Amino acid sequence: MIKRILGIGNALTDMLVNLQNDAVLGEYQLEKGSMSLVDSQLQTDISKSVAGLPYSLSLGGSAGNTIRAMARLGIEVGFIGKVGYDTTGDFYIQALRNVGVAPYILRSEYSSGKCVSLISPDGERTLVTHLGAAAHLEAEDIDSAIFEGYDALYVEGYLVQDHRLIRTTVAKAKAAGLKVVIDLASFNVVRENLDFLRSLVADYVDIIFANEEEAREFSGKARAEEALDYIGAMCELTVVKTGMKGALIKRGDEVVEVGIMAAAKRVDTTGAGDFYAAGFLAALTEGLTLRQCGTMGAITAGKVIEVVGTTFGEEAWRDIFKLRERVRHDQYLF
């Protein structure tokens, strides 16, 4: 049974910008809802284009979001990443410790990475990422001893663009007896790395999270149910998130559909998938049913879209903990 989870991902600081319209997306040919890797100059140019608009800074990175949320939910977690020898890197490491995450953070001569999250008026986010030091996490950095004491490795899908790093890491994790969990991250990442991802999932992955677009890209199937069956034949547990309809979950012959938690207000979808995975996996560590796991995923995702970024206050966490008690007693099922 999974109890302790180690994440690996891009160690990034997020700059969250609230757009008044989507003009900047057209200006820089950014596909709405996508994640684009850019050089430092282009990211700077885009940042200048939105100067003056409301923004905030927070710890980011997809797997980092998930791991930090799981720590808040009481799960023992660690995180592997790379930052620069700069104040941003110092901040990142200390912030992980502050929220109860064991940091396995390496340093690089390159500056720490940053993600500019462009939030459209409808709450959809388009990510423009300069990885900086995060891009220099290498296969040789992964010591097998890191996996000692953990039951599962959670892999950020954005990392799959470095095929050697990911294949080496998951192979070492499996050799150490860990389950491998992956979130497919973004439809364009899946599209650009399709053959590698299919091979990786078939050979190593036990649990997979994908939204409907990502699942379609991965499977080549038109319908979410077909994609679920395709992916479900390759791994132990599959979660396909279907937007406002909720999620389809498959483990062996068991298939359940779980709805969403209605958000009080849909402000920013940044981190929704990350927090869904956190809630789901936290429930899984308790041995709860698939429906209960899906419900916890929906609860945590529903809370994070009510705020800009991926940090919310104690009142929201208290609500989550109260709802978790109801879920544990099958009193809060969508």
Protein backbone atom coordinates (compact mmCIF):
# COMPACT_ATOMS: atom_id res chain seq x y z
CA MET A 1 0.00 0.00 0.00
CA ILE A 2 1.23 3.49 -0.83
CA LYS A 3 2.03 5.62 2.23
CA ARG A 4 5.04 7.86 1.47
CA ILE A 5 5.33 9.63 -1.90
CA LEU A 6 8.38 11.19 -3.56
CA GLY A 7 7.82 13.70 -6.35
CA ILE A 8 10.12 14.77 -9.17
CA GLY A 9 9.50 17.86 -11.26
CA ASN A 10 10.51 21.32 -12.35
CA ALA A 11 11.36 23.49 -9.34
CA LEU A 12 9.75 26.75 -10.43
CA THR A 13 8.50 30.00 -9.01
CA ASP A 14 5.19 31.10 -10.52
CA MET A 15 4.31 34.61 -11.65
CA LEU A 16 0.50 34.67 -11.97
CA VAL A 17 -0.90 37.44 -14.17
CA ASN A 18 -4.62 38.26 -14.48
CA LEU A 19 -5.33 39.21 -18.10
CA GLN A 20 -8.06 41.63 -19.13
CA ASN A 21 -8.39 39.83 -22.48
CA ASP A 22 -6.54 37.24 -24.56
CA ALA A 23 -4.77 39.68 -26.89
CA VAL A 24 -1.30 38.81 -25.61
CA LEU A 25 -1.91 35.14 -26.46
CA GLY A 26 -2.54 36.04 -30.07
CA GLU A 27 0.36 38.47 -30.16
CA TYR A 28 2.84 35.76 -29.15
CA GLN A 29 0.98 32.87 -30.86
CA LEU A 30 0.34 31.07 -27.60
CA GLU A 31 -2.30 28.35 -27.77
CA LYS A 32 -4.79 29.02 -24.98
CA GLY A 33 -4.49 26.44 -22.21
CA SER A 34 -1.09 25.21 -23.38
CA MET A 35 2.35 25.16 -21.77
CA SER A 36 5.21 26.58 -23.84
CA LEU A 37 8.90 26.32 -23.03
CA VAL A 38 10.62 29.58 -24.00
CA ASP A 39 14.00 31.21 -23.59
CA SER A 40 14.64 33.87 -20.98
CA GLN A 41 14.35 36.74 -23.49
CA LEU A 42 10.92 35.73 -24.80
CA GLN A 43 9.62 35.22 -21.28
CA THR A 44 10.92 38.69 -20.39
CA ASP A 45 9.24 40.20 -23.47
CA ILE A 46 5.91 38.58 -22.57
CA SER A 47 6.27 39.76 -18.96
CA LYS A 48 6.85 43.31 -20.20
CA SER A 49 3.71 43.06 -22.38
CA VAL A 50 1.58 42.42 -19.31
CA ALA A 51 3.37 44.87 -17.01
CA GLY A 52 0.91 46.84 -14.94
CA LEU A 53 -1.65 44.05 -14.70
CA PRO A 54 -2.37 42.45 -11.31
CA TYR A 55 0.01 39.59 -10.50
CA SER A 56 1.25 37.47 -7.63
CA LEU A 57 4.23 35.18 -6.94
CA SER A 58 4.16 31.69 -5.45
CA LEU A 59 5.99 28.39 -5.42
CA GLY A 60 5.07 26.50 -8.56
CA GLY A 61 5.83 23.57 -10.74
CA SER A 62 3.19 20.92 -11.40
CA ALA A 63 4.60 18.09 -9.27
CA GLY A 64 5.69 20.63 -6.65
CA ASN A 65 2.07 21.79 -6.32
CA THR A 66 0.86 18.22 -5.88
CA ILE A 67 3.53 17.28 -3.35
CA ARG A 68 3.01 20.43 -1.28
CA ALA A 69 -0.76 19.88 -1.20
CA MET A 70 -0.26 16.26 -0.11
CA ALA A 71 2.02 17.45 2.69
CA ARG A 72 -0.77 19.77 3.85
CA LEU A 73 -3.12 16.77 3.78
CA GLY A 74 -0.82 14.92 6.16
CA ILE A 75 1.09 12.65 3.77
CA GLU A 76 4.84 12.07 4.18
CA VAL A 77 6.38 13.45 1.00
CA GLY A 78 9.66 14.51 -0.59
CA PHE A 79 10.57 16.38 -3.75
CA ILE A 80 13.43 16.11 -6.27
CA GLY A 81 14.34 19.18 -8.32
CA LYS A 82 17.10 21.62 -9.22
CA VAL A 83 17.43 25.36 -8.56
CA GLY A 84 20.13 27.99 -8.98
CA TYR A 85 22.62 29.39 -6.52
CA ASP A 86 20.42 32.44 -6.04
CA THR A 87 17.95 33.90 -3.58
CA THR A 88 15.05 32.34 -5.50
CA GLY A 89 16.64 28.93 -5.04
CA ASP A 90 17.20 29.56 -1.33
CA PHE A 91 13.57 30.62 -1.00
CA TYR A 92 12.34 27.53 -2.83
CA ILE A 93 14.21 25.07 -0.57
CA GLN A 94 13.19 26.80 2.65
CA ALA A 95 9.56 27.05 1.51
CA LEU A 96 9.46 23.28 0.93
CA ARG A 97 10.75 22.67 4.43
CA ASN A 98 8.22 25.13 5.84
CA VAL A 99 5.30 23.09 4.47
CA GLY A 100 6.70 19.72 5.53
CA VAL A 101 8.27 18.52 2.28
CA ALA A 102 11.66 16.78 2.47
CA PRO A 103 13.75 18.61 -0.17
CA TYR A 104 16.09 16.63 -2.42
CA ILE A 105 17.16 19.77 -4.26
CA LEU A 106 20.31 20.05 -6.33
CA ARG A 107 21.97 23.32 -7.33
CA SER A 108 22.99 24.64 -10.73
CA GLU A 109 25.06 27.54 -12.03
CA TYR A 110 21.99 28.56 -14.04
CA SER A 111 19.36 30.84 -12.50
CA SER A 112 16.28 29.31 -10.89
CA GLY A 113 13.37 28.64 -13.22
CA LYS A 114 10.18 30.68 -13.50
CA CYS A 115 6.73 30.12 -14.99
CA VAL A 116 4.55 33.02 -16.16
CA SER A 117 0.93 31.92 -15.85
CA LEU A 118 -1.34 34.05 -18.05
CA ILE A 119 -4.85 33.81 -16.60
CA SER A 120 -7.66 34.59 -19.05
CA PRO A 121 -10.90 36.26 -17.88
CA ASP A 122 -12.64 32.84 -17.97
CA GLY A 123 -10.04 31.38 -15.57
CA GLU A 124 -8.14 29.32 -18.16
CA ARG A 125 -4.37 29.57 -17.80
CA THR A 126 -1.67 29.55 -20.45
CA LEU A 127 1.83 28.79 -19.17
CA VAL A 128 5.02 30.35 -20.48
CA THR A 129 7.96 28.64 -18.80
CA HIS A 130 11.68 29.31 -18.72
CA LEU A 131 13.08 26.32 -16.90
CA GLY A 132 16.50 27.75 -16.09
CA ALA A 133 18.21 25.51 -13.52
CA ALA A 134 15.25 23.12 -13.51
CA ALA A 135 16.14 22.04 -17.05
CA HIS A 136 19.54 20.91 -15.86
CA LEU A 137 18.30 18.11 -13.62
CA GLU A 138 20.06 15.13 -15.19
CA ALA A 139 19.92 11.36 -15.06
CA GLU A 140 23.29 11.34 -13.25
CA ASP A 141 21.75 13.42 -10.44
CA ILE A 142 19.37 10.63 -9.46
CA ASP A 143 20.91 8.51 -6.71
CA SER A 144 19.05 5.25 -6.01
CA ALA A 145 19.40 5.97 -2.28
CA ILE A 146 16.87 8.83 -2.66
CA PHE A 147 14.06 6.28 -3.05
CA GLU A 148 14.71 4.56 0.28
CA GLY A 149 11.67 4.70 2.55
CA TYR A 150 9.22 5.78 -0.18
CA ASP A 151 6.39 3.72 -1.67
CA ALA A 152 5.66 5.71 -4.84
CA LEU A 153 7.31 8.14 -7.24
CA TYR A 154 5.10 10.93 -8.62
CA VAL A 155 6.40 12.15 -11.99
CA GLU A 156 5.57 15.52 -13.48
CA GLY A 157 4.54 15.04 -17.09
CA TYR A 158 6.39 18.16 -18.23
CA LEU A 159 9.66 16.39 -17.45
CA VAL A 160 9.11 13.72 -20.11
CA GLN A 161 10.70 15.97 -22.68
CA ASP A 162 14.00 14.79 -21.16
CA HIS A 163 13.58 11.15 -22.11
CA ARG A 164 16.83 9.94 -20.56
CA LEU A 165 16.18 11.59 -17.20
CA ILE A 166 12.69 10.17 -16.86
CA ARG A 167 13.43 6.65 -18.09
CA THR A 168 16.47 6.44 -15.77
CA THR A 169 14.51 7.78 -12.79
CA VAL A 170 11.49 5.53 -13.14
CA ALA A 171 13.68 2.49 -13.78
CA LYS A 172 15.58 3.15 -10.54
CA ALA A 173 12.33 3.75 -8.67
CA LYS A 174 10.82 0.48 -9.88
CA ALA A 175 14.03 -1.36 -8.99
CA ALA A 176 13.68 0.05 -5.47
CA GLY A 177 10.12 -1.33 -5.28
CA LEU A 178 8.18 1.91 -5.77
CA LYS A 179 4.97 2.38 -7.69
CA VAL A 180 5.26 4.95 -10.49
CA VAL A 181 2.59 7.63 -10.87
CA ILE A 182 2.54 10.15 -13.74
CA ASP A 183 0.40 13.12 -14.65
CA LEU A 184 0.36 13.74 -18.41
CA ALA A 185 0.63 17.51 -17.82
CA SER A 186 -0.45 19.07 -21.15
CA PHE A 187 -1.93 17.91 -24.45
CA ASN A 188 0.87 19.48 -26.47
CA VAL A 189 3.53 17.74 -24.33
CA VAL A 190 1.75 14.42 -24.96
CA ARG A 191 1.55 15.15 -28.69
CA GLU A 192 5.26 15.97 -28.95
CA ASN A 193 6.42 12.94 -26.92
CA LEU A 194 3.76 10.38 -27.82
CA ASP A 195 5.88 7.36 -28.72
CA PHE A 196 8.12 7.83 -25.69
CA LEU A 197 5.17 8.28 -23.34
CA ARG A 198 3.39 5.19 -24.59
CA SER A 199 6.55 3.15 -24.12
CA LEU A 200 7.14 4.61 -20.66
CA VAL A 201 3.60 3.88 -19.49
CA ALA A 202 3.65 0.35 -20.87
CA ASP A 203 7.00 -0.47 -19.24
CA TYR A 204 6.90 1.37 -15.91
CA VAL A 205 3.77 3.32 -14.97
CA ASP A 206 1.27 2.02 -12.41
CA ILE A 207 -1.03 5.04 -11.97
CA ILE A 208 -1.79 7.73 -14.54
CA PHE A 209 -3.69 11.04 -14.40
CA ALA A 210 -4.84 12.80 -17.57
CA ASN A 211 -7.45 15.32 -18.57
CA GLU A 212 -9.71 14.54 -21.51
CA GLU A 213 -7.54 16.29 -24.11
CA GLU A 214 -4.38 14.58 -22.88
CA ALA A 215 -6.10 11.19 -22.81
CA ARG A 216 -7.29 11.64 -26.39
CA GLU A 217 -3.82 12.62 -27.57
CA PHE A 218 -2.27 9.66 -25.76
CA SER A 219 -4.79 7.06 -26.91
CA GLY A 220 -5.83 8.36 -30.31
CA LYS A 221 -9.43 7.75 -29.25
CA ALA A 222 -12.22 10.28 -29.72
CA ARG A 223 -14.23 9.61 -26.57
CA ALA A 224 -13.10 9.78 -22.95
CA GLU A 225 -14.53 6.32 -22.23
CA GLU A 226 -12.52 4.82 -25.09
CA ALA A 227 -9.37 6.60 -23.94
CA LEU A 228 -9.94 5.30 -20.41
CA ASP A 229 -10.14 1.72 -21.67
CA TYR A 230 -7.04 2.14 -23.83
CA ILE A 231 -4.92 3.57 -21.03
CA GLY A 232 -6.48 1.29 -18.42
CA ALA A 233 -5.19 -1.74 -20.30
CA MET A 234 -1.63 -0.43 -19.85
CA CYS A 235 -1.52 0.35 -16.12
CA GLU A 236 -3.04 -0.49 -12.76
CA LEU A 237 -5.09 2.66 -12.13
CA THR A 238 -6.24 5.32 -14.61
CA VAL A 239 -7.92 8.67 -13.94
CA VAL A 240 -9.32 10.68 -16.86
CA LYS A 241 -10.60 14.09 -15.78
CA THR A 242 -13.56 15.20 -17.89
CA GLY A 243 -13.84 18.89 -17.02
CA MET A 244 -17.19 20.01 -15.67
CA LYS A 245 -18.47 16.43 -15.80
CA GLY A 246 -15.92 15.20 -13.26
CA ALA A 247 -13.68 12.20 -13.81
CA LEU A 248 -13.67 8.61 -15.02
CA ILE A 249 -11.61 6.20 -12.90
CA LYS A 250 -10.62 2.65 -13.80
CA ARG A 251 -8.80 -0.04 -11.84
CA GLY A 252 -8.95 -3.50 -13.38
CA ASP A 253 -12.59 -4.18 -14.19
CA GLU A 254 -13.86 -1.50 -11.80
CA VAL A 255 -14.95 1.77 -13.41
CA VAL A 256 -16.51 4.69 -11.53
CA GLU A 257 -17.55 8.18 -12.54
CA VAL A 258 -17.27 10.98 -9.99
CA GLY A 259 -18.62 14.50 -10.47
CA ILE A 260 -17.04 17.82 -9.57
CA MET A 261 -17.36 19.98 -6.50
CA ALA A 262 -19.10 23.21 -7.46
CA ALA A 263 -16.69 26.09 -6.84
CA ALA A 264 -18.04 29.24 -5.23
CA LYS A 265 -16.27 31.16 -8.01
CA ARG A 266 -14.01 30.02 -10.86
CA VAL A 267 -11.10 32.45 -10.64
CA ASP A 268 -8.06 30.58 -11.93
CA THR A 269 -7.61 26.97 -13.08
CA THR A 270 -3.87 27.03 -12.29
CA GLY A 271 -3.07 23.91 -10.26
CA ALA A 272 -6.52 22.33 -10.54
CA GLY A 273 -5.13 19.10 -11.98
CA ASP A 274 -2.22 19.15 -9.53
CA PHE A 275 -4.53 19.49 -6.55
CA TYR A 276 -6.88 16.85 -7.94
CA ALA A 277 -3.99 14.39 -7.95
CA ALA A 278 -3.04 15.44 -4.40
CA GLY A 279 -6.51 14.84 -3.01
CA PHE A 280 -6.90 11.58 -4.90
CA LEU A 281 -3.52 10.17 -3.84
CA ALA A 282 -3.94 11.30 -0.23
CA ALA A 283 -7.20 9.33 -0.07
CA LEU A 284 -5.52 6.38 -1.77
CA THR A 285 -2.89 6.26 0.99
CA GLU A 286 -5.76 5.73 3.43
CA GLY A 287 -7.06 2.78 1.43
CA LEU A 288 -10.32 4.54 0.53
CA THR A 289 -12.52 3.44 -2.37
CA LEU A 290 -12.07 4.80 -5.89
CA ARG A 291 -15.22 6.87 -5.49
CA GLN A 292 -13.92 8.36 -2.25
CA CYS A 293 -10.53 9.05 -3.85
CA GLY A 294 -12.19 10.78 -6.79
CA THR A 295 -14.35 12.82 -4.44
CA MET A 296 -11.31 14.02 -2.49
CA GLY A 297 -9.64 14.95 -5.78
CA ALA A 298 -12.71 16.96 -6.76
CA ILE A 299 -12.79 18.72 -3.38
CA THR A 300 -9.17 19.87 -3.47
CA ALA A 301 -9.39 20.90 -7.14
CA GLY A 302 -12.62 22.77 -6.43
CA LYS A 303 -10.95 24.80 -3.71
CA VAL A 304 -7.84 25.81 -5.66
CA ILE A 305 -9.76 27.24 -8.62
CA GLU A 306 -11.42 29.71 -6.24
CA VAL A 307 -8.14 31.59 -5.78
CA VAL A 308 -5.39 33.01 -7.97
CA GLY A 309 -2.45 30.64 -7.86
CA THR A 310 -2.10 27.55 -5.71
CA THR A 311 -2.02 28.98 -2.21
CA PHE A 312 -5.12 29.49 -0.13
CA GLY A 313 -5.83 30.28 3.50
CA GLU A 314 -6.54 28.25 6.60
CA GLU A 315 -10.30 28.63 6.22
CA ALA A 316 -10.21 26.79 2.89
CA TRP A 317 -8.06 24.02 4.38
CA ARG A 318 -10.47 23.70 7.31
CA ASP A 319 -13.29 23.24 4.80
CA ILE A 320 -11.29 20.55 3.03
CA PHE A 321 -10.60 18.70 6.29
CA LYS A 322 -14.29 18.82 7.26
CA LEU A 323 -15.32 17.47 3.87
CA ARG A 324 -12.67 14.76 4.12
CA GLU A 325 -14.31 13.46 7.30
CA ARG A 326 -17.61 13.24 5.46
CA VAL A 327 -15.96 11.44 2.56
CA ARG A 328 -14.37 8.93 4.95
CA HIS A 329 -17.91 8.09 6.14
CA ASP A 330 -19.42 8.09 2.64
CA GLN A 331 -21.44 11.19 3.48
CA TYR A 332 -20.11 13.45 0.72
CA LEU A 333 -20.20 11.71 -2.64
CA PHE A 334 -20.97 13.48 -5.91
